[in-house]
Amino acid sequence: MTMVVNLVVSVFVIILLQVLGMVIFGLMTPFKDMEELKKGNVAVALALGGKFLATAIIIGVAAYTNTSILHMIIWFAVGYVCLIAAYWIFELATPTFKISEHLEKGNVAVGTMLCLVFIGTAFAVSSLIV
């Protein structure tokens, strides 16, 4: 019975962290991600998908390597801060344009690059989770 309760609580926490991560990323952009998706904006879809996959990678590794829910949450927070930092570093590395403006305009190249920045960062950070 204890194992079932632990599993249910862990799944609930994982879902909660994933949703929280997506909400925070949504607040970082000056446009509404879901509205852009409804319009068919592929660039935003790529960036949003990259964010989702990156947070899932970090949560998955944190859950796999930690038996404590608290440690899983702490490692998720560390990884999540790294993802936010990666976004801002990417923004700084492209001083001639604003990423969010190009995403809103549907620039698929920027969306793809940002997607891969998130995923690459998640893999790199996940290798540090113990």
N, C-alpha and C. Protein backbone atom coordinates (compact mmCIF):
# COMPACT_ATOMS: atom_id res chain seq x y z
N MET A 1 0.81 -1.20 0.00
CA MET A 1 0.00 0.00 0.00
C MET A 1 0.86 1.27 0.00
N THR A 2 1.94 1.25 0.80
CA THR A 2 2.83 2.40 0.86
C THR A 2 3.45 2.69 -0.49
N MET A 3 3.79 1.63 -1.22
CA MET A 3 4.40 1.82 -2.54
C MET A 3 3.41 2.49 -3.50
N VAL A 4 2.16 2.13 -3.44
CA VAL A 4 1.14 2.73 -4.30
C VAL A 4 0.96 4.21 -3.96
N VAL A 5 0.91 4.52 -2.67
CA VAL A 5 0.77 5.91 -2.24
C VAL A 5 1.97 6.73 -2.71
N ASN A 6 3.18 6.19 -2.53
CA ASN A 6 4.39 6.89 -2.99
C ASN A 6 4.36 7.13 -4.49
N LEU A 7 3.91 6.15 -5.24
CA LEU A 7 3.83 6.28 -6.69
C LEU A 7 2.83 7.36 -7.09
N VAL A 8 1.66 7.35 -6.46
CA VAL A 8 0.63 8.35 -6.78
C VAL A 8 1.12 9.75 -6.43
N VAL A 9 1.72 9.89 -5.27
CA VAL A 9 2.24 11.21 -4.86
C VAL A 9 3.34 11.66 -5.81
N SER A 10 4.23 10.76 -6.19
CA SER A 10 5.32 11.11 -7.11
C SER A 10 4.77 11.55 -8.46
N VAL A 11 3.81 10.82 -8.99
CA VAL A 11 3.21 11.20 -10.28
C VAL A 11 2.52 12.56 -10.17
N PHE A 12 1.81 12.78 -9.09
CA PHE A 12 1.15 14.07 -8.88
C PHE A 12 2.17 15.20 -8.84
N VAL A 13 3.26 15.01 -8.11
CA VAL A 13 4.31 16.04 -8.01
C VAL A 13 4.96 16.29 -9.37
N ILE A 14 5.20 15.23 -10.12
CA ILE A 14 5.80 15.37 -11.45
C ILE A 14 4.89 16.18 -12.36
N ILE A 15 3.61 15.87 -12.36
CA ILE A 15 2.66 16.62 -13.20
C ILE A 15 2.59 18.08 -12.74
N LEU A 16 2.55 18.28 -11.45
CA LEU A 16 2.50 19.64 -10.90
C LEU A 16 3.73 20.45 -11.31
N LEU A 17 4.92 19.84 -11.21
CA LEU A 17 6.15 20.52 -11.60
C LEU A 17 6.16 20.84 -13.09
N GLN A 18 5.69 19.91 -13.90
CA GLN A 18 5.65 20.14 -15.36
C GLN A 18 4.73 21.32 -15.68
N VAL A 19 3.55 21.34 -15.06
CA VAL A 19 2.61 22.44 -15.30
C VAL A 19 3.20 23.76 -14.79
N LEU A 20 3.78 23.73 -13.60
CA LEU A 20 4.39 24.94 -13.05
C LEU A 20 5.49 25.46 -13.96
N GLY A 21 6.31 24.55 -14.47
CA GLY A 21 7.37 24.95 -15.39
C GLY A 21 6.82 25.62 -16.65
N MET A 22 5.76 25.07 -17.20
CA MET A 22 5.19 25.66 -18.42
C MET A 22 4.54 27.02 -18.13
N VAL A 23 3.91 27.16 -16.97
CA VAL A 23 3.31 28.44 -16.60
C VAL A 23 4.38 29.52 -16.46
N ILE A 24 5.47 29.16 -15.79
CA ILE A 24 6.56 30.14 -15.61
C ILE A 24 7.15 30.54 -16.95
N PHE A 25 7.38 29.56 -17.83
CA PHE A 25 7.90 29.90 -19.16
C PHE A 25 6.91 30.78 -19.92
N GLY A 26 5.63 30.51 -19.76
CA GLY A 26 4.61 31.33 -20.41
C GLY A 26 4.64 32.77 -19.95
N LEU A 27 4.97 32.98 -18.69
CA LEU A 27 5.06 34.34 -18.16
C LEU A 27 6.29 35.08 -18.67
N MET A 28 7.28 34.33 -19.13
CA MET A 28 8.51 34.96 -19.61
C MET A 28 8.35 35.60 -20.98
N THR A 29 7.38 35.16 -21.75
CA THR A 29 7.20 35.69 -23.10
C THR A 29 6.14 36.78 -23.10
N PRO A 30 6.32 37.82 -23.91
CA PRO A 30 5.36 38.92 -23.94
C PRO A 30 4.05 38.57 -24.66
N PHE A 31 4.01 37.42 -25.32
CA PHE A 31 2.79 36.99 -26.01
C PHE A 31 2.22 35.76 -25.31
N LYS A 32 1.01 35.42 -25.65
CA LYS A 32 0.36 34.25 -25.05
C LYS A 32 0.63 33.03 -25.93
N ASP A 33 1.37 32.07 -25.37
CA ASP A 33 1.76 30.87 -26.12
C ASP A 33 0.57 30.16 -26.74
N MET A 34 -0.48 29.95 -25.95
CA MET A 34 -1.64 29.20 -26.45
C MET A 34 -2.36 29.93 -27.57
N GLU A 35 -2.39 31.25 -27.50
CA GLU A 35 -3.02 32.04 -28.58
C GLU A 35 -2.22 31.88 -29.87
N GLU A 36 -0.89 31.89 -29.74
CA GLU A 36 -0.04 31.71 -30.92
C GLU A 36 -0.20 30.30 -31.50
N LEU A 37 -0.36 29.32 -30.63
CA LEU A 37 -0.59 27.95 -31.12
C LEU A 37 -1.91 27.87 -31.89
N LYS A 38 -2.94 28.52 -31.38
CA LYS A 38 -4.24 28.53 -32.06
C LYS A 38 -4.13 29.15 -33.45
N LYS A 39 -3.23 30.12 -33.59
CA LYS A 39 -3.02 30.77 -34.89
C LYS A 39 -2.19 29.89 -35.83
N GLY A 40 -1.61 28.83 -35.30
CA GLY A 40 -0.78 27.95 -36.12
C GLY A 40 0.67 28.39 -36.21
N ASN A 41 1.13 29.12 -35.22
CA ASN A 41 2.50 29.62 -35.21
C ASN A 41 3.48 28.47 -34.91
N VAL A 42 4.14 27.98 -35.93
CA VAL A 42 5.04 26.83 -35.81
C VAL A 42 6.26 27.17 -34.96
N ALA A 43 6.76 28.38 -35.07
CA ALA A 43 7.94 28.78 -34.30
C ALA A 43 7.65 28.70 -32.80
N VAL A 44 6.51 29.21 -32.39
CA VAL A 44 6.13 29.15 -30.98
C VAL A 44 5.89 27.71 -30.56
N ALA A 45 5.30 26.91 -31.44
CA ALA A 45 5.07 25.49 -31.13
C ALA A 45 6.40 24.77 -30.89
N LEU A 46 7.39 25.05 -31.71
CA LEU A 46 8.71 24.44 -31.52
C LEU A 46 9.34 24.86 -30.20
N ALA A 47 9.29 26.16 -29.91
CA ALA A 47 9.86 26.65 -28.66
C ALA A 47 9.12 26.07 -27.46
N LEU A 48 7.80 26.04 -27.53
CA LEU A 48 7.00 25.50 -26.43
C LEU A 48 7.24 24.00 -26.26
N GLY A 49 7.33 23.29 -27.37
CA GLY A 49 7.62 21.87 -27.31
C GLY A 49 9.00 21.60 -26.73
N GLY A 50 9.97 22.43 -27.09
CA GLY A 50 11.31 22.30 -26.52
C GLY A 50 11.32 22.55 -25.03
N LYS A 51 10.54 23.55 -24.59
CA LYS A 51 10.43 23.82 -23.15
C LYS A 51 9.82 22.62 -22.43
N PHE A 52 8.75 22.09 -23.01
CA PHE A 52 8.06 20.96 -22.39
C PHE A 52 8.97 19.74 -22.30
N LEU A 53 9.64 19.43 -23.40
CA LEU A 53 10.54 18.27 -23.41
C LEU A 53 11.72 18.48 -22.46
N ALA A 54 12.27 19.69 -22.43
CA ALA A 54 13.41 19.98 -21.55
C ALA A 54 13.02 19.82 -20.09
N THR A 55 11.86 20.36 -19.71
CA THR A 55 11.43 20.20 -18.31
C THR A 55 11.14 18.73 -18.01
N ALA A 56 10.60 18.01 -18.98
CA ALA A 56 10.32 16.58 -18.77
C ALA A 56 11.61 15.79 -18.59
N ILE A 57 12.64 16.12 -19.35
CA ILE A 57 13.94 15.44 -19.22
C ILE A 57 14.49 15.66 -17.82
N ILE A 58 14.47 16.89 -17.37
CA ILE A 58 15.01 17.21 -16.05
C ILE A 58 14.18 16.53 -14.95
N ILE A 59 12.86 16.60 -15.04
CA ILE A 59 12.02 15.95 -14.04
C ILE A 59 12.24 14.44 -14.06
N GLY A 60 12.32 13.87 -15.25
CA GLY A 60 12.50 12.42 -15.36
C GLY A 60 13.79 11.95 -14.72
N VAL A 61 14.87 12.64 -15.00
CA VAL A 61 16.17 12.25 -14.42
C VAL A 61 16.16 12.50 -12.91
N ALA A 62 15.57 13.61 -12.49
CA ALA A 62 15.50 13.91 -11.05
C ALA A 62 14.67 12.85 -10.32
N ALA A 63 13.58 12.42 -10.94
CA ALA A 63 12.74 11.38 -10.32
C ALA A 63 13.46 10.04 -10.31
N TYR A 64 14.17 9.74 -11.37
CA TYR A 64 14.86 8.44 -11.49
C TYR A 64 16.01 8.31 -10.49
N THR A 65 16.71 9.41 -10.26
CA THR A 65 17.92 9.34 -9.45
C THR A 65 17.69 9.67 -7.97
N ASN A 66 16.48 10.05 -7.61
CA ASN A 66 16.21 10.44 -6.23
C ASN A 66 15.01 9.67 -5.68
N THR A 67 15.15 9.14 -4.48
CA THR A 67 14.03 8.46 -3.85
C THR A 67 13.20 9.42 -3.03
N SER A 68 13.73 10.59 -2.75
CA SER A 68 13.03 11.60 -1.98
C SER A 68 12.34 12.59 -2.92
N ILE A 69 11.08 12.86 -2.67
CA ILE A 69 10.35 13.84 -3.47
C ILE A 69 10.96 15.23 -3.29
N LEU A 70 11.39 15.53 -2.08
CA LEU A 70 12.02 16.83 -1.82
C LEU A 70 13.28 17.00 -2.67
N HIS A 71 14.13 15.97 -2.74
CA HIS A 71 15.34 16.06 -3.56
C HIS A 71 14.98 16.18 -5.04
N MET A 72 13.94 15.48 -5.47
CA MET A 72 13.49 15.59 -6.86
C MET A 72 13.08 17.04 -7.16
N ILE A 73 12.34 17.65 -6.24
CA ILE A 73 11.90 19.04 -6.44
C ILE A 73 13.09 19.98 -6.45
N ILE A 74 14.03 19.77 -5.56
CA ILE A 74 15.23 20.64 -5.52
C ILE A 74 16.01 20.54 -6.82
N TRP A 75 16.23 19.31 -7.32
CA TRP A 75 16.97 19.14 -8.56
C TRP A 75 16.20 19.72 -9.74
N PHE A 76 14.88 19.59 -9.72
CA PHE A 76 14.08 20.21 -10.77
C PHE A 76 14.28 21.72 -10.74
N ALA A 77 14.26 22.31 -9.56
CA ALA A 77 14.44 23.76 -9.44
C ALA A 77 15.80 24.19 -9.98
N VAL A 78 16.84 23.42 -9.65
CA VAL A 78 18.19 23.73 -10.16
C VAL A 78 18.19 23.65 -11.69
N GLY A 79 17.64 22.58 -12.23
CA GLY A 79 17.59 22.41 -13.67
C GLY A 79 16.76 23.48 -14.35
N TYR A 80 15.67 23.85 -13.71
CA TYR A 80 14.78 24.85 -14.28
C TYR A 80 15.44 26.22 -14.34
N VAL A 81 16.17 26.56 -13.30
CA VAL A 81 16.93 27.82 -13.31
C VAL A 81 17.94 27.81 -14.45
N CYS A 82 18.55 26.67 -14.70
CA CYS A 82 19.50 26.55 -15.81
C CYS A 82 18.80 26.74 -17.16
N LEU A 83 17.57 26.24 -17.29
CA LEU A 83 16.83 26.44 -18.54
C LEU A 83 16.50 27.92 -18.75
N ILE A 84 16.10 28.59 -17.69
CA ILE A 84 15.81 30.02 -17.79
C ILE A 84 17.08 30.78 -18.15
N ALA A 85 18.20 30.41 -17.51
CA ALA A 85 19.48 31.04 -17.83
C ALA A 85 19.85 30.81 -19.29
N ALA A 86 19.59 29.60 -19.79
CA ALA A 86 19.91 29.30 -21.20
C ALA A 86 19.12 30.20 -22.13
N TYR A 87 17.86 30.44 -21.81
CA TYR A 87 17.04 31.33 -22.63
C TYR A 87 17.65 32.73 -22.67
N TRP A 88 18.01 33.25 -21.50
CA TRP A 88 18.55 34.61 -21.45
C TRP A 88 19.94 34.70 -22.07
N ILE A 89 20.72 33.65 -21.95
CA ILE A 89 22.03 33.63 -22.61
C ILE A 89 21.84 33.61 -24.12
N PHE A 90 20.88 32.83 -24.60
CA PHE A 90 20.57 32.81 -26.03
C PHE A 90 20.11 34.20 -26.49
N GLU A 91 19.31 34.86 -25.66
CA GLU A 91 18.87 36.23 -25.96
C GLU A 91 20.07 37.18 -26.04
N LEU A 92 21.00 37.04 -25.11
CA LEU A 92 22.20 37.90 -25.12
C LEU A 92 23.12 37.58 -26.29
N ALA A 93 23.13 36.33 -26.71
CA ALA A 93 24.00 35.91 -27.82
C ALA A 93 23.46 36.37 -29.18
N THR A 94 22.24 36.87 -29.18
CA THR A 94 21.64 37.37 -30.42
C THR A 94 21.22 38.84 -30.22
N PRO A 95 22.21 39.73 -30.07
CA PRO A 95 21.89 41.13 -29.74
C PRO A 95 21.22 41.91 -30.87
N THR A 96 21.25 41.38 -32.08
CA THR A 96 20.67 42.13 -33.19
C THR A 96 19.16 41.95 -33.31
N PHE A 97 18.59 41.01 -32.55
CA PHE A 97 17.14 40.85 -32.57
C PHE A 97 16.63 40.24 -31.28
N LYS A 98 15.34 40.46 -31.00
CA LYS A 98 14.71 39.88 -29.81
C LYS A 98 14.07 38.56 -30.20
N ILE A 99 14.40 37.53 -29.45
CA ILE A 99 13.88 36.19 -29.74
C ILE A 99 12.36 36.17 -29.71
N SER A 100 11.78 36.78 -28.69
CA SER A 100 10.32 36.73 -28.55
C SER A 100 9.61 37.37 -29.74
N GLU A 101 10.17 38.44 -30.27
CA GLU A 101 9.56 39.09 -31.44
C GLU A 101 9.59 38.18 -32.66
N HIS A 102 10.71 37.48 -32.85
CA HIS A 102 10.82 36.58 -34.00
C HIS A 102 9.93 35.35 -33.84
N LEU A 103 9.78 34.88 -32.61
CA LEU A 103 8.86 33.77 -32.38
C LEU A 103 7.43 34.19 -32.70
N GLU A 104 7.05 35.35 -32.24
CA GLU A 104 5.69 35.84 -32.48
C GLU A 104 5.42 36.05 -33.97
N LYS A 105 6.47 36.42 -34.72
CA LYS A 105 6.33 36.59 -36.17
C LYS A 105 6.33 35.26 -36.91
N GLY A 106 6.65 34.17 -36.20
CA GLY A 106 6.63 32.85 -36.82
C GLY A 106 7.95 32.42 -37.43
N ASN A 107 9.05 32.99 -36.97
CA ASN A 107 10.37 32.63 -37.49
C ASN A 107 10.74 31.22 -37.02
N VAL A 108 10.56 30.25 -37.91
CA VAL A 108 10.76 28.84 -37.58
C VAL A 108 12.22 28.55 -37.24
N ALA A 109 13.14 29.24 -37.87
CA ALA A 109 14.57 29.02 -37.57
C ALA A 109 14.86 29.36 -36.11
N VAL A 110 14.33 30.47 -35.63
CA VAL A 110 14.54 30.87 -34.24
C VAL A 110 13.84 29.88 -33.30
N GLY A 111 12.62 29.47 -33.65
CA GLY A 111 11.90 28.50 -32.83
C GLY A 111 12.62 27.18 -32.73
N THR A 112 13.18 26.72 -33.85
CA THR A 112 13.93 25.46 -33.86
C THR A 112 15.20 25.58 -33.03
N MET A 113 15.90 26.66 -33.21
CA MET A 113 17.14 26.86 -32.45
C MET A 113 16.86 26.93 -30.95
N LEU A 114 15.82 27.65 -30.56
CA LEU A 114 15.48 27.77 -29.15
C LEU A 114 15.05 26.41 -28.58
N CYS A 115 14.30 25.66 -29.36
CA CYS A 115 13.91 24.31 -28.96
C CYS A 115 15.14 23.47 -28.64
N LEU A 116 16.12 23.52 -29.52
CA LEU A 116 17.34 22.72 -29.34
C LEU A 116 18.22 23.26 -28.20
N VAL A 117 18.19 24.56 -27.98
CA VAL A 117 18.91 25.13 -26.84
C VAL A 117 18.32 24.57 -25.54
N PHE A 118 16.99 24.54 -25.45
CA PHE A 118 16.34 24.00 -24.25
C PHE A 118 16.67 22.53 -24.07
N ILE A 119 16.53 21.75 -25.12
CA ILE A 119 16.76 20.30 -25.02
C ILE A 119 18.23 20.01 -24.70
N GLY A 120 19.14 20.69 -25.37
CA GLY A 120 20.57 20.49 -25.10
C GLY A 120 20.93 20.85 -23.68
N THR A 121 20.38 21.95 -23.19
CA THR A 121 20.63 22.36 -21.81
C THR A 121 20.09 21.33 -20.84
N ALA A 122 18.90 20.81 -21.13
CA ALA A 122 18.30 19.81 -20.24
C ALA A 122 19.16 18.55 -20.17
N PHE A 123 19.67 18.10 -21.31
CA PHE A 123 20.54 16.92 -21.29
C PHE A 123 21.82 17.19 -20.51
N ALA A 124 22.41 18.36 -20.72
CA ALA A 124 23.66 18.69 -20.02
C ALA A 124 23.42 18.79 -18.52
N VAL A 125 22.37 19.49 -18.13
CA VAL A 125 22.09 19.66 -16.71
C VAL A 125 21.70 18.32 -16.07
N SER A 126 20.96 17.51 -16.78
CA SER A 126 20.53 16.22 -16.25
C SER A 126 21.72 15.30 -15.91
N SER A 127 22.81 15.49 -16.63
CA SER A 127 23.98 14.66 -16.34
C SER A 127 24.60 15.01 -14.99
N LEU A 128 24.24 16.16 -14.43
CA LEU A 128 24.77 16.58 -13.14
C LEU A 128 23.90 16.15 -11.97
N ILE A 129 22.67 15.73 -12.26
CA ILE A 129 21.73 15.37 -11.19
C ILE A 129 22.15 14.07 -10.55
N VAL A 130 22.25 14.09 -9.22
CA VAL A 130 22.66 12.88 -8.48
C VAL A 130 21.61 12.51 -7.46
